[in-house]
Amino acid sequence: MSAESSTITVRLVRSFEHRNFRPVVYHGVNLDQTVKQFMNFVQKDVPSRTGLPPPFKNYKYGT
């Protein structure tokens, strides 16, 4: 497989009822990685992202 990359938008949803969501854009995502690898990357990246309010950084997201 070739090492292709793409731009992916992840939508962080805290509450559907209150419409609390935040889109996070990832550029240069390797398309050869598995979904599980990408999910692990996102879960580690979100708490360290600047620009996200603390409730989004500290929330324990499900899959």
PDB file of N, CA and C in Angstrom:
ATOM      1  N   MET A   1       0.829  -1.185   0.000  1.00  0.00           N
ATOM      2  CA  MET A   1       0.000   0.000   0.000  1.00  0.00           C
ATOM      3  C   MET A   1       0.874   1.249   0.000  1.00  0.00           C
ATOM      4  N   SER A   2       0.389   2.264  -0.613  1.00  0.00           N
ATOM      5  CA  SER A   2       1.132   3.519  -0.628  1.00  0.00           C
ATOM      6  C   SER A   2       0.765   4.349   0.596  1.00  0.00           C
ATOM      7  N   ALA A   3       1.652   5.234   0.953  1.00  0.00           N
ATOM      8  CA  ALA A   3       1.429   6.085   2.129  1.00  0.00           C
ATOM      9  C   ALA A   3       0.669   7.338   1.713  1.00  0.00           C
ATOM     10  N   GLU A   4      -0.628   7.195   1.517  1.00  0.00           N
ATOM     11  CA  GLU A   4      -1.458   8.334   1.146  1.00  0.00           C
ATOM     12  C   GLU A   4      -1.902   9.060   2.408  1.00  0.00           C
ATOM     13  N   SER A   5      -2.185  10.341   2.254  1.00  0.00           N
ATOM     14  CA  SER A   5      -2.673  11.103   3.397  1.00  0.00           C
ATOM     15  C   SER A   5      -3.887  11.917   2.974  1.00  0.00           C
ATOM     16  N   SER A   6      -4.658  12.296   3.964  1.00  0.00           N
ATOM     17  CA  SER A   6      -5.893  13.013   3.697  1.00  0.00           C
ATOM     18  C   SER A   6      -6.210  13.939   4.866  1.00  0.00           C
ATOM     19  N   THR A   7      -7.220  14.765   4.683  1.00  0.00           N
ATOM     20  CA  THR A   7      -7.709  15.638   5.742  1.00  0.00           C
ATOM     21  C   THR A   7      -9.013  15.051   6.268  1.00  0.00           C
ATOM     22  N   ILE A   8      -9.087  14.885   7.586  1.00  0.00           N
ATOM     23  CA  ILE A   8     -10.263  14.279   8.211  1.00  0.00           C
ATOM     24  C   ILE A   8     -10.778  15.212   9.303  1.00  0.00           C
ATOM     25  N   THR A   9     -12.088  15.390   9.335  1.00  0.00           N
ATOM     26  CA  THR A   9     -12.726  16.180  10.384  1.00  0.00           C
ATOM     27  C   THR A   9     -13.385  15.241  11.378  1.00  0.00           C
ATOM     28  N   VAL A  10     -13.021  15.391  12.637  1.00  0.00           N
ATOM     29  CA  VAL A  10     -13.604  14.597  13.724  1.00  0.00           C
ATOM     30  C   VAL A  10     -14.550  15.514  14.480  1.00  0.00           C
ATOM     31  N   ARG A  11     -15.736  15.032  14.730  1.00  0.00           N
ATOM     32  CA  ARG A  11     -16.727  15.830  15.449  1.00  0.00           C
ATOM     33  C   ARG A  11     -16.806  15.332  16.888  1.00  0.00           C
ATOM     34  N   LEU A  12     -16.349  16.155  17.816  1.00  0.00           N
ATOM     35  CA  LEU A  12     -16.413  15.814  19.235  1.00  0.00           C
ATOM     36  C   LEU A  12     -17.791  16.214  19.750  1.00  0.00           C
ATOM     37  N   VAL A  13     -18.555  15.239  20.215  1.00  0.00           N
ATOM     38  CA  VAL A  13     -19.922  15.491  20.678  1.00  0.00           C
ATOM     39  C   VAL A  13     -19.990  15.229  22.173  1.00  0.00           C
ATOM     40  N   ARG A  14     -20.312  16.251  22.935  1.00  0.00           N
ATOM     41  CA  ARG A  14     -20.501  16.092  24.381  1.00  0.00           C
ATOM     42  C   ARG A  14     -21.961  15.853  24.703  1.00  0.00           C
ATOM     43  N   SER A  15     -22.857  16.534  24.002  1.00  0.00           N
ATOM     44  CA  SER A  15     -24.278  16.396  24.299  1.00  0.00           C
ATOM     45  C   SER A  15     -25.092  16.670  23.040  1.00  0.00           C
ATOM     46  N   PHE A  16     -25.873  15.670  22.628  1.00  0.00           N
ATOM     47  CA  PHE A  16     -26.766  15.890  21.493  1.00  0.00           C
ATOM     48  C   PHE A  16     -27.914  16.802  21.908  1.00  0.00           C
ATOM     49  N   GLU A  17     -28.385  16.604  23.125  1.00  0.00           N
ATOM     50  CA  GLU A  17     -29.520  17.376  23.626  1.00  0.00           C
ATOM     51  C   GLU A  17     -29.215  18.872  23.647  1.00  0.00           C
ATOM     52  N   HIS A  18     -28.027  19.227  24.107  1.00  0.00           N
ATOM     53  CA  HIS A  18     -27.656  20.640  24.214  1.00  0.00           C
ATOM     54  C   HIS A  18     -26.824  21.120  23.026  1.00  0.00           C
ATOM     55  N   ARG A  19     -26.647  20.257  22.059  1.00  0.00           N
ATOM     56  CA  ARG A  19     -25.898  20.573  20.833  1.00  0.00           C
ATOM     57  C   ARG A  19     -24.478  21.049  21.129  1.00  0.00           C
ATOM     58  N   ASN A  20     -23.832  20.366  22.068  1.00  0.00           N
ATOM     59  CA  ASN A  20     -22.440  20.676  22.391  1.00  0.00           C
ATOM     60  C   ASN A  20     -21.534  19.807  21.528  1.00  0.00           C
ATOM     61  N   PHE A  21     -21.008  20.389  20.482  1.00  0.00           N
ATOM     62  CA  PHE A  21     -20.067  19.659  19.645  1.00  0.00           C
ATOM     63  C   PHE A  21     -18.997  20.615  19.149  1.00  0.00           C
ATOM     64  N   ARG A  22     -17.881  20.038  18.764  1.00  0.00           N
ATOM     65  CA  ARG A  22     -16.761  20.836  18.272  1.00  0.00           C
ATOM     66  C   ARG A  22     -16.062  20.044  17.173  1.00  0.00           C
ATOM     67  N   PRO A  23     -15.962  20.596  15.971  1.00  0.00           N
ATOM     68  CA  PRO A  23     -15.211  19.904  14.924  1.00  0.00           C
ATOM     69  C   PRO A  23     -13.704  20.117  15.116  1.00  0.00           C
ATOM     70  N   VAL A  24     -12.940  19.057  14.913  1.00  0.00           N
ATOM     71  CA  VAL A  24     -11.479  19.120  14.994  1.00  0.00           C
ATOM     72  C   VAL A  24     -10.941  18.570  13.675  1.00  0.00           C
ATOM     73  N   VAL A  25     -10.113  19.343  13.001  1.00  0.00           N
ATOM     74  CA  VAL A  25      -9.597  18.962  11.686  1.00  0.00           C
ATOM     75  C   VAL A  25      -8.179  18.421  11.824  1.00  0.00           C
ATOM     76  N   TYR A  26      -7.951  17.265  11.216  1.00  0.00           N
ATOM     77  CA  TYR A  26      -6.624  16.648  11.185  1.00  0.00           C
ATOM     78  C   TYR A  26      -6.154  16.614   9.739  1.00  0.00           C
ATOM     79  N   HIS A  27      -5.011  17.237   9.489  1.00  0.00           N
ATOM     80  CA  HIS A  27      -4.420  17.268   8.152  1.00  0.00           C
ATOM     81  C   HIS A  27      -3.326  16.213   8.058  1.00  0.00           C
ATOM     82  N   GLY A  28      -3.157  15.652   6.886  1.00  0.00           N
ATOM     83  CA  GLY A  28      -2.074  14.700   6.653  1.00  0.00           C
ATOM     84  C   GLY A  28      -2.252  13.382   7.373  1.00  0.00           C
ATOM     85  N   VAL A  29      -3.486  12.926   7.499  1.00  0.00           N
ATOM     86  CA  VAL A  29      -3.755  11.659   8.178  1.00  0.00           C
ATOM     87  C   VAL A  29      -3.378  10.512   7.248  1.00  0.00           C
ATOM     88  N   ASN A  30      -2.584   9.594   7.768  1.00  0.00           N
ATOM     89  CA  ASN A  30      -2.150   8.433   7.002  1.00  0.00           C
ATOM     90  C   ASN A  30      -3.342   7.499   6.792  1.00  0.00           C
ATOM     91  N   LEU A  31      -3.675   7.211   5.551  1.00  0.00           N
ATOM     92  CA  LEU A  31      -4.825   6.363   5.251  1.00  0.00           C
ATOM     93  C   LEU A  31      -4.508   4.878   5.382  1.00  0.00           C
ATOM     94  N   ASP A  32      -3.242   4.549   5.621  1.00  0.00           N
ATOM     95  CA  ASP A  32      -2.869   3.146   5.792  1.00  0.00           C
ATOM     96  C   ASP A  32      -3.051   2.663   7.226  1.00  0.00           C
ATOM     97  N   GLN A  33      -3.310   3.573   8.154  1.00  0.00           N
ATOM     98  CA  GLN A  33      -3.504   3.154   9.541  1.00  0.00           C
ATOM     99  C   GLN A  33      -4.920   2.618   9.738  1.00  0.00           C
ATOM    100  N   THR A  34      -5.091   1.836  10.783  1.00  0.00           N
ATOM    101  CA  THR A  34      -6.413   1.277  11.076  1.00  0.00           C
ATOM    102  C   THR A  34      -7.258   2.310  11.811  1.00  0.00           C
ATOM    103  N   VAL A  35      -8.542   2.041  11.883  1.00  0.00           N
ATOM    104  CA  VAL A  35      -9.451   2.933  12.604  1.00  0.00           C
ATOM    105  C   VAL A  35      -9.076   2.975  14.082  1.00  0.00           C
ATOM    106  N   LYS A  36      -8.721   1.827  14.632  1.00  0.00           N
ATOM    107  CA  LYS A  36      -8.336   1.765  16.043  1.00  0.00           C
ATOM    108  C   LYS A  36      -7.108   2.625  16.311  1.00  0.00           C
ATOM    109  N   GLN A  37      -6.134   2.589  15.420  1.00  0.00           N
ATOM    110  CA  GLN A  37      -4.936   3.416  15.571  1.00  0.00           C
ATOM    111  C   GLN A  37      -5.295   4.897  15.517  1.00  0.00           C
ATOM    112  N   PHE A  38      -6.179   5.265  14.593  1.00  0.00           N
ATOM    113  CA  PHE A  38      -6.581   6.664  14.474  1.00  0.00           C
ATOM    114  C   PHE A  38      -7.363   7.107  15.709  1.00  0.00           C
ATOM    115  N   MET A  39      -8.244   6.254  16.213  1.00  0.00           N
ATOM    116  CA  MET A  39      -9.008   6.593  17.417  1.00  0.00           C
ATOM    117  C   MET A  39      -8.079   6.790  18.611  1.00  0.00           C
ATOM    118  N   ASN A  40      -7.078   5.943  18.750  1.00  0.00           N
ATOM    119  CA  ASN A  40      -6.103   6.102  19.836  1.00  0.00           C
ATOM    120  C   ASN A  40      -5.349   7.419  19.693  1.00  0.00           C
ATOM    121  N   PHE A  41      -4.982   7.756  18.467  1.00  0.00           N
ATOM    122  CA  PHE A  41      -4.293   9.020  18.212  1.00  0.00           C
ATOM    123  C   PHE A  41      -5.166  10.205  18.619  1.00  0.00           C
ATOM    124  N   VAL A  42      -6.433  10.177  18.229  1.00  0.00           N
ATOM    125  CA  VAL A  42      -7.349  11.281  18.546  1.00  0.00           C
ATOM    126  C   VAL A  42      -7.552  11.389  20.056  1.00  0.00           C
ATOM    127  N   GLN A  43      -7.729  10.255  20.732  1.00  0.00           N
ATOM    128  CA  GLN A  43      -7.941  10.281  22.179  1.00  0.00           C
ATOM    129  C   GLN A  43      -6.733  10.841  22.921  1.00  0.00           C
ATOM    130  N   LYS A  44      -5.540  10.625  22.401  1.00  0.00           N
ATOM    131  CA  LYS A  44      -4.340  11.181  23.027  1.00  0.00           C
ATOM    132  C   LYS A  44      -4.131  12.643  22.643  1.00  0.00           C
ATOM    133  N   ASP A  45      -4.602  13.023  21.460  1.00  0.00           N
ATOM    134  CA  ASP A  45      -4.379  14.376  20.957  1.00  0.00           C
ATOM    135  C   ASP A  45      -5.349  15.402  21.540  1.00  0.00           C
ATOM    136  N   VAL A  46      -6.591  15.028  21.747  1.00  0.00           N
ATOM    137  CA  VAL A  46      -7.623  15.979  22.177  1.00  0.00           C
ATOM    138  C   VAL A  46      -7.261  16.699  23.480  1.00  0.00           C
ATOM    139  N   PRO A  47      -6.807  16.017  24.526  1.00  0.00           N
ATOM    140  CA  PRO A  47      -6.493  16.749  25.771  1.00  0.00           C
ATOM    141  C   PRO A  47      -5.371  17.777  25.627  1.00  0.00           C
ATOM    142  N   SER A  48      -4.501  17.609  24.655  1.00  0.00           N
ATOM    143  CA  SER A  48      -3.377  18.536  24.506  1.00  0.00           C
ATOM    144  C   SER A  48      -3.635  19.619  23.464  1.00  0.00           C
ATOM    145  N   ARG A  49      -4.790  19.606  22.842  1.00  0.00           N
ATOM    146  CA  ARG A  49      -5.102  20.592  21.800  1.00  0.00           C
ATOM    147  C   ARG A  49      -5.391  21.960  22.388  1.00  0.00           C
ATOM    148  N   THR A  50      -4.736  22.970  21.833  1.00  0.00           N
ATOM    149  CA  THR A  50      -5.082  24.336  22.215  1.00  0.00           C
ATOM    150  C   THR A  50      -6.300  24.740  21.396  1.00  0.00           C
ATOM    151  N   GLY A  51      -7.084  25.626  21.914  1.00  0.00           N
ATOM    152  CA  GLY A  51      -8.262  26.074  21.188  1.00  0.00           C
ATOM    153  C   GLY A  51      -9.527  25.318  21.549  1.00  0.00           C
ATOM    154  N   LEU A  52      -9.392  24.213  22.244  1.00  0.00           N
ATOM    155  CA  LEU A  52     -10.574  23.490  22.712  1.00  0.00           C
ATOM    156  C   LEU A  52     -10.861  23.915  24.147  1.00  0.00           C
ATOM    157  N   PRO A  53     -12.114  24.200  24.473  1.00  0.00           N
ATOM    158  CA  PRO A  53     -12.438  24.545  25.853  1.00  0.00           C
ATOM    159  C   PRO A  53     -12.194  23.354  26.785  1.00  0.00           C
ATOM    160  N   PRO A  54     -11.887  23.612  28.046  1.00  0.00           N
ATOM    161  CA  PRO A  54     -11.603  22.522  28.992  1.00  0.00           C
ATOM    162  C   PRO A  54     -12.665  21.427  29.062  1.00  0.00           C
ATOM    163  N   PRO A  55     -13.964  21.741  28.964  1.00  0.00           N
ATOM    164  CA  PRO A  55     -14.926  20.629  29.013  1.00  0.00           C
ATOM    165  C   PRO A  55     -14.714  19.600  27.900  1.00  0.00           C
ATOM    166  N   PHE A  56     -14.279  20.037  26.735  1.00  0.00           N
ATOM    167  CA  PHE A  56     -14.027  19.101  25.642  1.00  0.00           C
ATOM    168  C   PHE A  56     -12.730  18.337  25.860  1.00  0.00           C
ATOM    169  N   LYS A  57     -11.762  18.964  26.483  1.00  0.00           N
ATOM    170  CA  LYS A  57     -10.480  18.303  26.735  1.00  0.00           C
ATOM    171  C   LYS A  57     -10.595  17.241  27.822  1.00  0.00           C
ATOM    172  N   ASN A  58     -11.417  17.491  28.828  1.00  0.00           N
ATOM    173  CA  ASN A  58     -11.493  16.607  29.991  1.00  0.00           C
ATOM    174  C   ASN A  58     -12.571  15.543  29.886  1.00  0.00           C
ATOM    175  N   TYR A  59     -13.457  15.643  28.924  1.00  0.00           N
ATOM    176  CA  TYR A  59     -14.569  14.710  28.791  1.00  0.00           C
ATOM    177  C   TYR A  59     -14.062  13.342  28.343  1.00  0.00           C
ATOM    178  N   LYS A  60     -14.586  12.274  28.933  1.00  0.00           N
ATOM    179  CA  LYS A  60     -14.213  10.908  28.551  1.00  0.00           C
ATOM    180  C   LYS A  60     -15.150  10.451  27.439  1.00  0.00           C
ATOM    181  N   TYR A  61     -14.674  10.528  26.211  1.00  0.00           N
ATOM    182  CA  TYR A  61     -15.492  10.185  25.053  1.00  0.00           C
ATOM    183  C   TYR A  61     -15.621   8.683  24.899  1.00  0.00           C
ATOM    184  N   GLY A  62     -16.794   8.241  24.465  1.00  0.00           N
ATOM    185  CA  GLY A  62     -17.013   6.841  24.125  1.00  0.00           C
ATOM    186  C   GLY A  62     -16.702   6.643  22.655  1.00  0.00           C
ATOM    187  N   THR A  63     -16.788   5.431  22.210  1.00  0.00           N
ATOM    188  CA  THR A  63     -16.473   5.177  20.803  1.00  0.00           C
ATOM    189  C   THR A  63     -17.688   4.860  20.010  1.00  0.00           C
TER     190      THR A  63
END
